[in-house]
Amino acid sequence: MKKFGFATLVTGALTAAVVGLAAPAQAAPTGPGNAQDVISSLQQQGYNVIVNRIGTTALDQATVVGVRPGQTYSRTDHGVPGANHPATTVTGMTVYVDVQ
């Protein structure tokens, strides 16, 4: 029984790590655009966006100089007792956007 619990824990941790690491890579902006457009796009994708500003330029005139992944929150639901296929659901994603 201990082996099953450990295997379930490892599987859940690996799944959460893969989901957490893969999501920010898809969130990186592509192509030209102002900081406000990038921030809006990330928010529409479901990210909680934290903006780090360098200077006082308005966001619609600022440039994005970096997008970094933040914390991803997830939960694992084992469903019916005895089920062998737990489901991991991402409940929140954070990304940091550096603008100048």
C-alpha atoms as a PDB file:
ATOM      1  CA  MET A   1       0.000   0.000   0.000  1.00  0.00           C
ATOM      2  CA  LYS A   2       2.892   2.365   0.762  1.00  0.00           C
ATOM      3  CA  LYS A   3       4.349   1.758  -2.700  1.00  0.00           C
ATOM      4  CA  PHE A   4       1.029   2.697  -4.328  1.00  0.00           C
ATOM      5  CA  GLY A   5       0.796   5.916  -2.305  1.00  0.00           C
ATOM      6  CA  PHE A   6       4.383   6.864  -3.150  1.00  0.00           C
ATOM      7  CA  ALA A   7       3.851   6.139  -6.854  1.00  0.00           C
ATOM      8  CA  THR A   8       0.701   8.251  -6.848  1.00  0.00           C
ATOM      9  CA  LEU A   9       2.541  11.111  -5.139  1.00  0.00           C
ATOM     10  CA  VAL A  10       5.422  10.955  -7.632  1.00  0.00           C
ATOM     11  CA  THR A  11       3.046  10.801 -10.599  1.00  0.00           C
ATOM     12  CA  GLY A  12       1.092  13.814  -9.339  1.00  0.00           C
ATOM     13  CA  ALA A  13       4.267  15.814  -8.714  1.00  0.00           C
ATOM     14  CA  LEU A  14       5.670  15.028 -12.163  1.00  0.00           C
ATOM     15  CA  THR A  15       2.390  15.927 -13.844  1.00  0.00           C
ATOM     16  CA  ALA A  16       2.219  19.231 -11.984  1.00  0.00           C
ATOM     17  CA  ALA A  17       5.837  19.987 -12.887  1.00  0.00           C
ATOM     18  CA  VAL A  18       5.241  19.309 -16.591  1.00  0.00           C
ATOM     19  CA  VAL A  19       2.086  21.447 -16.636  1.00  0.00           C
ATOM     20  CA  GLY A  20       3.816  24.211 -14.696  1.00  0.00           C
ATOM     21  CA  LEU A  21       6.876  24.304 -16.931  1.00  0.00           C
ATOM     22  CA  ALA A  22       5.071  23.976 -20.251  1.00  0.00           C
ATOM     23  CA  ALA A  23       2.527  26.740 -19.748  1.00  0.00           C
ATOM     24  CA  PRO A  24       4.847  29.786 -19.577  1.00  0.00           C
ATOM     25  CA  ALA A  25       6.647  28.761 -22.761  1.00  0.00           C
ATOM     26  CA  GLN A  26       3.381  29.124 -24.669  1.00  0.00           C
ATOM     27  CA  ALA A  27       2.702  32.482 -23.023  1.00  0.00           C
ATOM     28  CA  ALA A  28       5.751  34.297 -24.397  1.00  0.00           C
ATOM     29  CA  PRO A  29       4.788  37.137 -26.737  1.00  0.00           C
ATOM     30  CA  THR A  30       5.506  36.775 -30.418  1.00  0.00           C
ATOM     31  CA  GLY A  31       5.919  39.649 -32.831  1.00  0.00           C
ATOM     32  CA  PRO A  32       5.771  43.397 -32.289  1.00  0.00           C
ATOM     33  CA  GLY A  33       3.265  45.037 -30.004  1.00  0.00           C
ATOM     34  CA  ASN A  34       3.069  47.309 -27.040  1.00  0.00           C
ATOM     35  CA  ALA A  35       3.149  46.159 -23.435  1.00  0.00           C
ATOM     36  CA  GLN A  36      -0.596  46.661 -22.936  1.00  0.00           C
ATOM     37  CA  ASP A  37      -1.368  44.312 -25.848  1.00  0.00           C
ATOM     38  CA  VAL A  38       0.945  41.618 -24.457  1.00  0.00           C
ATOM     39  CA  ILE A  39      -0.522  41.947 -20.954  1.00  0.00           C
ATOM     40  CA  SER A  40      -4.087  41.787 -22.277  1.00  0.00           C
ATOM     41  CA  SER A  41      -3.258  38.727 -24.377  1.00  0.00           C
ATOM     42  CA  LEU A  42      -1.755  36.903 -21.403  1.00  0.00           C
ATOM     43  CA  GLN A  43      -4.757  37.763 -19.223  1.00  0.00           C
ATOM     44  CA  GLN A  44      -7.128  36.446 -21.907  1.00  0.00           C
ATOM     45  CA  GLN A  45      -5.159  33.168 -21.843  1.00  0.00           C
ATOM     46  CA  GLY A  46      -5.931  32.896 -18.124  1.00  0.00           C
ATOM     47  CA  TYR A  47      -2.690  34.148 -16.608  1.00  0.00           C
ATOM     48  CA  ASN A  48      -2.433  36.294 -13.492  1.00  0.00           C
ATOM     49  CA  VAL A  49      -0.024  38.961 -14.818  1.00  0.00           C
ATOM     50  CA  ILE A  50       2.389  40.793 -12.534  1.00  0.00           C
ATOM     51  CA  VAL A  51       3.982  43.812 -14.231  1.00  0.00           C
ATOM     52  CA  ASN A  52       7.503  44.974 -13.327  1.00  0.00           C
ATOM     53  CA  ARG A  53       8.006  48.489 -14.709  1.00  0.00           C
ATOM     54  CA  ILE A  54      11.256  50.243 -15.498  1.00  0.00           C
ATOM     55  CA  GLY A  55      10.508  53.947 -15.856  1.00  0.00           C
ATOM     56  CA  THR A  56       7.192  55.778 -16.044  1.00  0.00           C
ATOM     57  CA  THR A  57       6.209  55.202 -19.686  1.00  0.00           C
ATOM     58  CA  ALA A  58       2.509  54.416 -20.181  1.00  0.00           C
ATOM     59  CA  LEU A  59       1.852  50.722 -20.866  1.00  0.00           C
ATOM     60  CA  ASP A  60       0.422  51.419 -24.331  1.00  0.00           C
ATOM     61  CA  GLN A  61       3.777  53.023 -25.268  1.00  0.00           C
ATOM     62  CA  ALA A  62       6.090  50.735 -23.301  1.00  0.00           C
ATOM     63  CA  THR A  63       8.056  47.797 -24.645  1.00  0.00           C
ATOM     64  CA  VAL A  64       8.132  44.299 -23.178  1.00  0.00           C
ATOM     65  CA  VAL A  65      11.707  43.368 -22.276  1.00  0.00           C
ATOM     66  CA  GLY A  66      10.957  40.027 -20.635  1.00  0.00           C
ATOM     67  CA  VAL A  67       8.292  37.464 -19.764  1.00  0.00           C
ATOM     68  CA  ARG A  68       9.077  35.076 -16.919  1.00  0.00           C
ATOM     69  CA  PRO A  69       7.063  32.177 -15.534  1.00  0.00           C
ATOM     70  CA  GLY A  70       5.642  32.418 -12.056  1.00  0.00           C
ATOM     71  CA  GLN A  71       3.859  29.986  -9.765  1.00  0.00           C
ATOM     72  CA  THR A  72       1.357  27.564 -11.258  1.00  0.00           C
ATOM     73  CA  TYR A  73      -1.289  26.223  -8.903  1.00  0.00           C
ATOM     74  CA  SER A  74      -2.922  22.875  -9.507  1.00  0.00           C
ATOM     75  CA  ARG A  75      -4.908  20.241  -7.697  1.00  0.00           C
ATOM     76  CA  THR A  76      -5.068  16.503  -8.153  1.00  0.00           C
ATOM     77  CA  ASP A  77      -8.415  14.757  -7.864  1.00  0.00           C
ATOM     78  CA  HIS A  78      -8.414  11.004  -7.417  1.00  0.00           C
ATOM     79  CA  GLY A  79     -12.148  10.817  -8.057  1.00  0.00           C
ATOM     80  CA  VAL A  80     -13.711   7.538  -7.052  1.00  0.00           C
ATOM     81  CA  PRO A  81     -11.831   5.610  -4.347  1.00  0.00           C
ATOM     82  CA  GLY A  82      -9.709   2.954  -6.008  1.00  0.00           C
ATOM     83  CA  ALA A  83      -9.486   4.768  -9.335  1.00  0.00           C
ATOM     84  CA  ASN A  84      -6.087   4.428 -10.983  1.00  0.00           C
ATOM     85  CA  HIS A  85      -6.245   7.613 -13.051  1.00  0.00           C
ATOM     86  CA  PRO A  86      -5.999  10.801 -10.971  1.00  0.00           C
ATOM     87  CA  ALA A  87      -6.829  14.036 -12.790  1.00  0.00           C
ATOM     88  CA  THR A  88      -4.656  17.130 -12.329  1.00  0.00           C
ATOM     89  CA  THR A  89      -6.364  20.470 -12.886  1.00  0.00           C
ATOM     90  CA  VAL A  90      -4.485  23.770 -13.180  1.00  0.00           C
ATOM     91  CA  THR A  91      -6.317  26.300 -11.020  1.00  0.00           C
ATOM     92  CA  GLY A  92      -4.107  29.361 -11.494  1.00  0.00           C
ATOM     93  CA  MET A  93      -1.075  30.500 -13.480  1.00  0.00           C
ATOM     94  CA  THR A  94       1.140  33.505 -12.871  1.00  0.00           C
ATOM     95  CA  VAL A  95       3.529  35.199 -15.274  1.00  0.00           C
ATOM     96  CA  TYR A  96       5.829  38.201 -14.725  1.00  0.00           C
ATOM     97  CA  VAL A  97       6.084  40.794 -17.487  1.00  0.00           C
ATOM     98  CA  ASP A  98       8.999  43.253 -17.463  1.00  0.00           C
ATOM     99  CA  VAL A  99       8.252  46.483 -19.341  1.00  0.00           C
ATOM    100  CA  GLN A 100      10.355  49.526 -20.157  1.00  0.00           C
END
